[in-house]
Amino acid sequence: MNQGDPLAQLRDIHLPEPGGFWPPAPGWWILAALVLLLVAAVIWWAWRRHRRNRWIRDARQELARLGAAARSDNDWFTELNALLKRCARQRYPDQHPDTLSGPQWSDFLARTEPALDRQQVEALVNAAWHPSPRIEPDQARAVAERWLGGQRC
């Protein structure tokens, strides 16, 4: 090396060390916070929906219990109508369906689930006090299942 050459005394260019993955850039922190908020909102929404629809799950269990103990007497039909009234009160609280009886109750059931056969609905409602029901318990349970199946929250 030549002592008189100042360029010969320079060292090579040193690049800075590459950055590690930690700590992340501020944009990643913001994205992580947004994702956590979104996940928390979805969990909260699903929990509330699950709680709000508990009545229909309980009603279906009660209907299955009634179906297993099906008998063609007035008490069984009274229990089935009472179950439907409890469900209607839960789903339509502002219409006060638990105060309805007879034709008004069958009209309410047919109006809230138009796919039901009107004669079967009337037979189900009237079976609670007629000495000889005009509908079989299995048919009545099927009508109740169709009505419950149409109830969405």
N, C-alpha and C. Protein backbone atom coordinates (compact mmCIF):
# COMPACT_ATOMS: atom_id res chain seq x y z
N MET A 1 0.81 -1.17 0.00
CA MET A 1 0.00 0.00 0.00
C MET A 1 0.86 1.24 0.00
N ASN A 2 0.30 2.17 -0.62
CA ASN A 2 1.00 3.45 -0.73
C ASN A 2 0.53 4.36 0.38
N GLN A 3 1.51 4.90 1.14
CA GLN A 3 1.18 5.75 2.26
C GLN A 3 0.63 7.08 1.82
N GLY A 4 0.89 7.48 0.66
CA GLY A 4 0.46 8.78 0.19
C GLY A 4 -0.95 8.75 -0.40
N ASP A 5 -1.49 7.56 -0.62
CA ASP A 5 -2.82 7.48 -1.24
C ASP A 5 -3.88 7.42 -0.13
N PRO A 6 -4.69 8.51 0.07
CA PRO A 6 -5.67 8.50 1.15
C PRO A 6 -6.83 7.52 0.89
N LEU A 7 -7.12 7.20 -0.35
CA LEU A 7 -8.22 6.27 -0.65
C LEU A 7 -7.86 4.85 -0.23
N ALA A 8 -6.62 4.56 -0.20
CA ALA A 8 -6.22 3.21 0.17
C ALA A 8 -6.45 2.98 1.67
N GLN A 9 -6.60 4.04 2.43
CA GLN A 9 -6.81 3.89 3.85
C GLN A 9 -8.30 3.66 4.21
N LEU A 10 -9.21 3.80 3.27
CA LEU A 10 -10.64 3.61 3.52
C LEU A 10 -10.99 2.11 3.64
N ARG A 11 -11.94 1.83 4.49
CA ARG A 11 -12.41 0.45 4.62
C ARG A 11 -13.61 0.25 3.70
N ASP A 12 -13.98 -1.01 3.49
CA ASP A 12 -15.15 -1.30 2.64
C ASP A 12 -16.43 -0.80 3.31
N ILE A 13 -17.47 -0.67 2.49
CA ILE A 13 -18.77 -0.24 2.99
C ILE A 13 -19.37 -1.37 3.81
N HIS A 14 -19.89 -1.02 5.00
CA HIS A 14 -20.54 -2.00 5.87
C HIS A 14 -22.04 -1.72 5.85
N LEU A 15 -22.83 -2.73 5.49
CA LEU A 15 -24.28 -2.60 5.51
C LEU A 15 -24.78 -2.83 6.94
N PRO A 16 -25.88 -2.16 7.30
CA PRO A 16 -26.40 -2.39 8.65
C PRO A 16 -26.93 -3.82 8.78
N GLU A 17 -26.97 -4.30 9.99
CA GLU A 17 -27.50 -5.64 10.26
C GLU A 17 -28.99 -5.68 9.87
N PRO A 18 -29.44 -6.77 9.29
CA PRO A 18 -30.86 -6.85 8.96
C PRO A 18 -31.70 -6.88 10.24
N GLY A 19 -32.83 -6.19 10.20
CA GLY A 19 -33.70 -6.12 11.38
C GLY A 19 -34.36 -7.46 11.64
N GLY A 20 -34.60 -7.76 12.87
CA GLY A 20 -35.29 -8.99 13.24
C GLY A 20 -36.79 -8.82 13.06
N PHE A 21 -37.50 -9.90 13.35
CA PHE A 21 -38.95 -9.77 13.18
C PHE A 21 -39.58 -9.10 14.39
N TRP A 22 -38.83 -8.97 15.48
CA TRP A 22 -39.37 -8.33 16.68
C TRP A 22 -38.58 -7.11 17.01
N PRO A 23 -39.17 -6.05 17.33
CA PRO A 23 -40.59 -5.73 17.44
C PRO A 23 -41.17 -5.42 16.05
N PRO A 24 -42.40 -5.80 15.84
CA PRO A 24 -43.02 -5.54 14.54
C PRO A 24 -43.27 -4.05 14.32
N ALA A 25 -43.48 -3.74 13.08
CA ALA A 25 -43.76 -2.35 12.71
C ALA A 25 -45.14 -1.95 13.26
N PRO A 26 -45.39 -0.67 13.43
CA PRO A 26 -46.68 -0.21 13.98
C PRO A 26 -47.89 -0.70 13.19
N GLY A 27 -47.77 -0.84 11.91
CA GLY A 27 -48.89 -1.33 11.11
C GLY A 27 -49.32 -2.73 11.50
N TRP A 28 -48.37 -3.58 11.86
CA TRP A 28 -48.70 -4.94 12.30
C TRP A 28 -49.42 -4.92 13.64
N TRP A 29 -49.04 -4.00 14.53
CA TRP A 29 -49.72 -3.87 15.81
C TRP A 29 -51.17 -3.45 15.60
N ILE A 30 -51.39 -2.53 14.71
CA ILE A 30 -52.75 -2.07 14.42
C ILE A 30 -53.58 -3.20 13.82
N LEU A 31 -52.97 -3.94 12.89
CA LEU A 31 -53.67 -5.06 12.27
C LEU A 31 -54.02 -6.13 13.32
N ALA A 32 -53.09 -6.43 14.21
CA ALA A 32 -53.35 -7.42 15.26
C ALA A 32 -54.49 -6.96 16.17
N ALA A 33 -54.50 -5.68 16.53
CA ALA A 33 -55.58 -5.16 17.37
C ALA A 33 -56.93 -5.26 16.67
N LEU A 34 -56.97 -4.95 15.38
CA LEU A 34 -58.22 -5.05 14.62
C LEU A 34 -58.70 -6.50 14.53
N VAL A 35 -57.78 -7.42 14.30
CA VAL A 35 -58.16 -8.83 14.22
C VAL A 35 -58.70 -9.31 15.57
N LEU A 36 -58.05 -8.92 16.67
CA LEU A 36 -58.54 -9.30 18.00
C LEU A 36 -59.92 -8.73 18.28
N LEU A 37 -60.15 -7.49 17.89
CA LEU A 37 -61.47 -6.89 18.07
C LEU A 37 -62.52 -7.61 17.25
N LEU A 38 -62.18 -7.97 16.02
CA LEU A 38 -63.11 -8.69 15.17
C LEU A 38 -63.44 -10.06 15.75
N VAL A 39 -62.44 -10.78 16.22
CA VAL A 39 -62.67 -12.09 16.82
C VAL A 39 -63.54 -11.96 18.07
N ALA A 40 -63.26 -10.96 18.90
CA ALA A 40 -64.06 -10.75 20.11
C ALA A 40 -65.51 -10.42 19.75
N ALA A 41 -65.71 -9.61 18.71
CA ALA A 41 -67.07 -9.26 18.30
C ALA A 41 -67.83 -10.48 17.78
N VAL A 42 -67.18 -11.32 17.02
CA VAL A 42 -67.84 -12.53 16.50
C VAL A 42 -68.19 -13.48 17.63
N ILE A 43 -67.29 -13.65 18.60
CA ILE A 43 -67.57 -14.52 19.74
C ILE A 43 -68.73 -13.97 20.56
N TRP A 44 -68.75 -12.67 20.79
CA TRP A 44 -69.83 -12.04 21.55
C TRP A 44 -71.17 -12.21 20.83
N TRP A 45 -71.17 -11.99 19.51
CA TRP A 45 -72.39 -12.13 18.72
C TRP A 45 -72.90 -13.58 18.76
N ALA A 46 -72.00 -14.55 18.61
CA ALA A 46 -72.40 -15.96 18.62
C ALA A 46 -72.94 -16.36 20.00
N TRP A 47 -72.33 -15.86 21.06
CA TRP A 47 -72.78 -16.17 22.42
C TRP A 47 -74.18 -15.61 22.66
N ARG A 48 -74.39 -14.36 22.24
CA ARG A 48 -75.72 -13.76 22.41
C ARG A 48 -76.78 -14.50 21.60
N ARG A 49 -76.47 -14.89 20.38
CA ARG A 49 -77.40 -15.63 19.54
C ARG A 49 -77.73 -16.99 20.17
N HIS A 50 -76.71 -17.63 20.70
CA HIS A 50 -76.91 -18.92 21.35
C HIS A 50 -77.84 -18.77 22.56
N ARG A 51 -77.63 -17.75 23.36
CA ARG A 51 -78.49 -17.50 24.52
C ARG A 51 -79.89 -17.12 24.10
N ARG A 52 -80.02 -16.31 23.05
CA ARG A 52 -81.33 -15.84 22.61
C ARG A 52 -82.16 -16.99 22.05
N ASN A 53 -81.53 -17.99 21.46
CA ASN A 53 -82.26 -19.11 20.85
C ASN A 53 -82.39 -20.32 21.77
N ARG A 54 -82.10 -20.13 23.04
CA ARG A 54 -82.18 -21.25 23.97
C ARG A 54 -83.61 -21.77 24.08
N TRP A 55 -84.58 -20.88 24.03
CA TRP A 55 -85.98 -21.28 24.19
C TRP A 55 -86.40 -22.28 23.13
N ILE A 56 -85.89 -22.12 21.90
CA ILE A 56 -86.31 -23.04 20.83
C ILE A 56 -85.65 -24.40 21.01
N ARG A 57 -84.42 -24.43 21.51
CA ARG A 57 -83.78 -25.72 21.80
C ARG A 57 -84.52 -26.44 22.93
N ASP A 58 -84.88 -25.69 23.97
CA ASP A 58 -85.63 -26.29 25.08
C ASP A 58 -87.00 -26.78 24.61
N ALA A 59 -87.63 -26.02 23.74
CA ALA A 59 -88.95 -26.41 23.24
C ALA A 59 -88.86 -27.69 22.41
N ARG A 60 -87.82 -27.80 21.62
CA ARG A 60 -87.67 -29.03 20.81
C ARG A 60 -87.41 -30.24 21.71
N GLN A 61 -86.67 -30.05 22.79
CA GLN A 61 -86.45 -31.15 23.73
C GLN A 61 -87.77 -31.54 24.41
N GLU A 62 -88.53 -30.54 24.81
CA GLU A 62 -89.83 -30.81 25.43
C GLU A 62 -90.78 -31.50 24.45
N LEU A 63 -90.74 -31.08 23.19
CA LEU A 63 -91.58 -31.71 22.18
C LEU A 63 -91.16 -33.16 21.95
N ALA A 64 -89.87 -33.43 21.98
CA ALA A 64 -89.40 -34.82 21.85
C ALA A 64 -89.88 -35.65 23.05
N ARG A 65 -89.84 -35.06 24.24
CA ARG A 65 -90.33 -35.77 25.42
C ARG A 65 -91.83 -36.05 25.30
N LEU A 66 -92.58 -35.05 24.84
CA LEU A 66 -94.02 -35.26 24.64
C LEU A 66 -94.28 -36.30 23.56
N GLY A 67 -93.48 -36.28 22.50
CA GLY A 67 -93.65 -37.25 21.43
C GLY A 67 -93.40 -38.67 21.89
N ALA A 68 -92.44 -38.84 22.81
CA ALA A 68 -92.15 -40.18 23.32
C ALA A 68 -93.28 -40.68 24.20
N ALA A 69 -93.99 -39.77 24.85
CA ALA A 69 -95.09 -40.17 25.74
C ALA A 69 -96.44 -39.86 25.10
N ALA A 70 -96.51 -39.93 23.77
CA ALA A 70 -97.74 -39.55 23.06
C ALA A 70 -98.89 -40.49 23.43
N ARG A 71 -100.01 -39.86 23.71
CA ARG A 71 -101.22 -40.60 23.99
C ARG A 71 -102.40 -39.74 23.53
N SER A 72 -103.47 -40.39 23.20
CA SER A 72 -104.61 -39.68 22.62
C SER A 72 -105.62 -39.28 23.69
N ASP A 73 -105.17 -38.52 24.67
CA ASP A 73 -106.10 -38.01 25.67
C ASP A 73 -105.96 -36.49 25.75
N ASN A 74 -106.93 -35.88 26.37
CA ASN A 74 -106.99 -34.41 26.40
C ASN A 74 -105.80 -33.80 27.13
N ASP A 75 -105.29 -34.46 28.17
CA ASP A 75 -104.18 -33.92 28.92
C ASP A 75 -102.93 -33.76 28.05
N TRP A 76 -102.69 -34.77 27.20
CA TRP A 76 -101.51 -34.70 26.33
C TRP A 76 -101.64 -33.53 25.36
N PHE A 77 -102.81 -33.37 24.77
CA PHE A 77 -103.02 -32.25 23.84
C PHE A 77 -102.96 -30.90 24.57
N THR A 78 -103.40 -30.86 25.81
CA THR A 78 -103.30 -29.64 26.61
C THR A 78 -101.83 -29.28 26.85
N GLU A 79 -101.00 -30.29 27.16
CA GLU A 79 -99.57 -30.04 27.35
C GLU A 79 -98.93 -29.53 26.06
N LEU A 80 -99.32 -30.12 24.93
CA LEU A 80 -98.76 -29.70 23.64
C LEU A 80 -99.16 -28.25 23.33
N ASN A 81 -100.41 -27.91 23.56
CA ASN A 81 -100.85 -26.53 23.34
C ASN A 81 -100.14 -25.57 24.30
N ALA A 82 -99.94 -25.99 25.54
CA ALA A 82 -99.24 -25.13 26.51
C ALA A 82 -97.79 -24.90 26.07
N LEU A 83 -97.15 -25.93 25.54
CA LEU A 83 -95.79 -25.77 25.02
C LEU A 83 -95.76 -24.77 23.87
N LEU A 84 -96.71 -24.91 22.95
CA LEU A 84 -96.76 -23.98 21.82
C LEU A 84 -97.04 -22.55 22.29
N LYS A 85 -97.87 -22.39 23.31
CA LYS A 85 -98.16 -21.05 23.83
C LYS A 85 -96.93 -20.44 24.50
N ARG A 86 -96.18 -21.25 25.24
CA ARG A 86 -94.95 -20.73 25.85
C ARG A 86 -93.97 -20.27 24.78
N CYS A 87 -93.86 -21.05 23.71
CA CYS A 87 -92.96 -20.68 22.61
C CYS A 87 -93.46 -19.43 21.90
N ALA A 88 -94.76 -19.35 21.70
CA ALA A 88 -95.33 -18.17 21.03
C ALA A 88 -95.14 -16.92 21.88
N ARG A 89 -95.29 -17.07 23.19
CA ARG A 89 -95.08 -15.93 24.09
C ARG A 89 -93.63 -15.46 24.03
N GLN A 90 -92.70 -16.39 23.90
CA GLN A 90 -91.29 -16.03 23.81
C GLN A 90 -90.98 -15.36 22.47
N ARG A 91 -91.54 -15.89 21.39
CA ARG A 91 -91.22 -15.38 20.05
C ARG A 91 -92.00 -14.10 19.71
N TYR A 92 -93.25 -14.01 20.15
CA TYR A 92 -94.12 -12.87 19.82
C TYR A 92 -94.66 -12.23 21.09
N PRO A 93 -93.81 -11.65 21.94
CA PRO A 93 -94.30 -11.14 23.23
C PRO A 93 -95.26 -9.96 23.09
N ASP A 94 -95.12 -9.17 22.05
CA ASP A 94 -95.98 -7.99 21.91
C ASP A 94 -97.39 -8.34 21.44
N GLN A 95 -97.61 -9.55 20.93
CA GLN A 95 -98.93 -9.95 20.46
C GLN A 95 -99.73 -10.71 21.53
N HIS A 96 -99.14 -11.00 22.66
CA HIS A 96 -99.78 -11.69 23.79
C HIS A 96 -100.52 -12.96 23.37
N PRO A 97 -99.82 -13.90 22.72
CA PRO A 97 -100.50 -15.12 22.24
C PRO A 97 -100.94 -16.05 23.36
N ASP A 98 -100.37 -15.89 24.56
CA ASP A 98 -100.75 -16.78 25.65
C ASP A 98 -102.16 -16.50 26.16
N THR A 99 -102.74 -15.38 25.76
CA THR A 99 -104.12 -15.07 26.17
C THR A 99 -105.14 -15.59 25.16
N LEU A 100 -104.68 -16.09 24.03
CA LEU A 100 -105.60 -16.56 22.98
C LEU A 100 -106.07 -17.97 23.27
N SER A 101 -107.26 -18.29 22.77
CA SER A 101 -107.78 -19.65 22.87
C SER A 101 -108.75 -19.88 21.72
N GLY A 102 -109.01 -21.13 21.47
CA GLY A 102 -109.98 -21.49 20.44
C GLY A 102 -109.59 -21.01 19.05
N PRO A 103 -110.55 -20.41 18.33
CA PRO A 103 -110.28 -19.98 16.95
C PRO A 103 -109.17 -18.92 16.85
N GLN A 104 -109.08 -18.04 17.86
CA GLN A 104 -108.04 -17.02 17.82
C GLN A 104 -106.65 -17.67 17.91
N TRP A 105 -106.51 -18.69 18.74
CA TRP A 105 -105.24 -19.38 18.90
C TRP A 105 -104.88 -20.14 17.62
N SER A 106 -105.84 -20.81 17.01
CA SER A 106 -105.55 -21.53 15.76
C SER A 106 -105.25 -20.54 14.63
N ASP A 107 -105.95 -19.39 14.60
CA ASP A 107 -105.63 -18.36 13.60
C ASP A 107 -104.21 -17.84 13.80
N PHE A 108 -103.82 -17.64 15.05
CA PHE A 108 -102.47 -17.16 15.33
C PHE A 108 -101.42 -18.16 14.84
N LEU A 109 -101.62 -19.45 15.14
CA LEU A 109 -100.67 -20.47 14.69
C LEU A 109 -100.58 -20.52 13.17
N ALA A 110 -101.74 -20.46 12.50
CA ALA A 110 -101.75 -20.52 11.04
C ALA A 110 -101.15 -19.25 10.43
N ARG A 111 -101.35 -18.12 11.07
CA ARG A 111 -100.82 -16.85 10.55
C ARG A 111 -99.30 -16.78 10.70
N THR A 112 -98.78 -17.29 11.81
CA THR A 112 -97.34 -17.18 12.04
C THR A 112 -96.55 -18.25 11.29
N GLU A 113 -97.21 -19.31 10.86
CA GLU A 113 -96.56 -20.33 10.02
C GLU A 113 -97.53 -20.74 8.92
N PRO A 114 -97.51 -20.01 7.79
CA PRO A 114 -98.50 -20.25 6.72
C PRO A 114 -98.42 -21.63 6.07
N ALA A 115 -97.31 -22.35 6.24
CA ALA A 115 -97.18 -23.66 5.61
C ALA A 115 -98.01 -24.74 6.29
N LEU A 116 -98.59 -24.44 7.44
CA LEU A 116 -99.38 -25.43 8.17
C LEU A 116 -100.75 -25.62 7.54
N ASP A 117 -101.26 -26.85 7.65
CA ASP A 117 -102.61 -27.17 7.19
C ASP A 117 -103.61 -26.65 8.23
N ARG A 118 -104.52 -25.82 7.78
CA ARG A 118 -105.45 -25.15 8.69
C ARG A 118 -106.33 -26.14 9.46
N GLN A 119 -106.80 -27.20 8.80
CA GLN A 119 -107.65 -28.18 9.47
C GLN A 119 -106.88 -28.92 10.58
N GLN A 120 -105.62 -29.22 10.31
CA GLN A 120 -104.81 -29.89 11.33
C GLN A 120 -104.55 -28.97 12.52
N VAL A 121 -104.33 -27.70 12.25
CA VAL A 121 -104.10 -26.74 13.34
C VAL A 121 -105.35 -26.63 14.20
N GLU A 122 -106.50 -26.51 13.56
CA GLU A 122 -107.76 -26.42 14.31
C GLU A 122 -108.02 -27.70 15.10
N ALA A 123 -107.71 -28.85 14.50
CA ALA A 123 -107.91 -30.12 15.21
C ALA A 123 -106.96 -30.21 16.41
N LEU A 124 -105.74 -29.72 16.26
CA LEU A 124 -104.78 -29.72 17.37
C LEU A 124 -105.25 -28.83 18.51
N VAL A 125 -105.73 -27.66 18.18
CA VAL A 125 -106.20 -26.73 19.21
C VAL A 125 -107.44 -27.27 19.90
N ASN A 126 -108.38 -27.82 19.13
CA ASN A 126 -109.64 -28.31 19.70
C ASN A 126 -109.49 -29.64 20.42
N ALA A 127 -108.41 -30.37 20.18
CA ALA A 127 -108.23 -31.69 20.79
C ALA A 127 -108.06 -31.60 22.30
N ALA A 128 -107.70 -30.44 22.80
CA ALA A 128 -107.49 -30.30 24.25
C ALA A 128 -108.80 -30.42 25.03
N TRP A 129 -109.94 -30.11 24.41
CA TRP A 129 -111.21 -30.19 25.17
C TRP A 129 -112.28 -31.03 24.51
N HIS A 130 -112.03 -31.56 23.32
CA HIS A 130 -113.00 -32.47 22.70
C HIS A 130 -112.84 -33.86 23.29
N PRO A 131 -113.96 -34.56 23.51
CA PRO A 131 -113.86 -35.90 24.09
C PRO A 131 -113.14 -36.89 23.17
N SER A 132 -113.32 -36.72 21.86
CA SER A 132 -112.61 -37.60 20.91
C SER A 132 -111.85 -36.72 19.92
N PRO A 133 -110.55 -36.61 20.07
CA PRO A 133 -109.76 -35.74 19.19
C PRO A 133 -109.84 -36.18 17.73
N ARG A 134 -109.87 -35.21 16.84
CA ARG A 134 -109.93 -35.49 15.40
C ARG A 134 -108.55 -35.54 14.78
N ILE A 135 -107.52 -35.61 15.61
CA ILE A 135 -106.16 -35.68 15.11
C ILE A 135 -105.38 -36.67 15.97
N GLU A 136 -104.51 -37.42 15.33
CA GLU A 136 -103.67 -38.38 16.05
C GLU A 136 -102.51 -37.64 16.72
N PRO A 137 -102.01 -38.17 17.82
CA PRO A 137 -100.90 -37.51 18.50
C PRO A 137 -99.66 -37.32 17.61
N ASP A 138 -99.38 -38.30 16.76
CA ASP A 138 -98.21 -38.16 15.87
C ASP A 138 -98.41 -37.02 14.88
N GLN A 139 -99.63 -36.87 14.37
CA GLN A 139 -99.91 -35.76 13.46
C GLN A 139 -99.82 -34.43 14.20
N ALA A 140 -100.33 -34.38 15.41
CA ALA A 140 -100.26 -33.15 16.21
C ALA A 140 -98.82 -32.77 16.51
N ARG A 141 -97.99 -33.78 16.84
CA ARG A 141 -96.58 -33.52 17.09
C ARG A 141 -95.90 -33.01 15.83
N ALA A 142 -96.27 -33.56 14.67
CA ALA A 142 -95.69 -33.10 13.40
C ALA A 142 -96.08 -31.65 13.12
N VAL A 143 -97.32 -31.29 13.41
CA VAL A 143 -97.76 -29.90 13.24
C VAL A 143 -96.94 -28.98 14.15
N ALA A 144 -96.77 -29.40 15.40
CA ALA A 144 -95.99 -28.59 16.34
C ALA A 144 -94.54 -28.48 15.89
N GLU A 145 -93.97 -29.55 15.38
CA GLU A 145 -92.58 -29.50 14.88
C GLU A 145 -92.47 -28.55 13.70
N ARG A 146 -93.45 -28.59 12.78
CA ARG A 146 -93.41 -27.66 11.65
C ARG A 146 -93.54 -26.22 12.11
N TRP A 147 -94.38 -25.98 13.11
CA TRP A 147 -94.52 -24.62 13.62
C TRP A 147 -93.23 -24.17 14.29
N LEU A 148 -92.64 -25.03 15.11
CA LEU A 148 -91.36 -24.68 15.75
C LEU A 148 -90.24 -24.53 14.74
N GLY A 149 -90.27 -25.36 13.70
CA GLY A 149 -89.23 -25.29 12.66
C GLY A 149 -89.26 -23.97 11.91
N GLY A 150 -90.42 -23.36 11.81
CA GLY A 150 -90.54 -22.09 11.10
C GLY A 150 -90.19 -20.89 11.96
N GLN A 151 -89.96 -21.10 13.25
CA GLN A 151 -89.66 -19.99 14.16
C GLN A 151 -88.16 -19.74 14.17
N ARG A 152 -87.74 -18.63 13.62
CA ARG A 152 -86.32 -18.26 13.57
C ARG A 152 -86.13 -16.94 14.29
N CYS A 153 -84.98 -16.82 14.91
CA CYS A 153 -84.63 -15.57 15.58
C CYS A 153 -83.50 -14.88 14.87
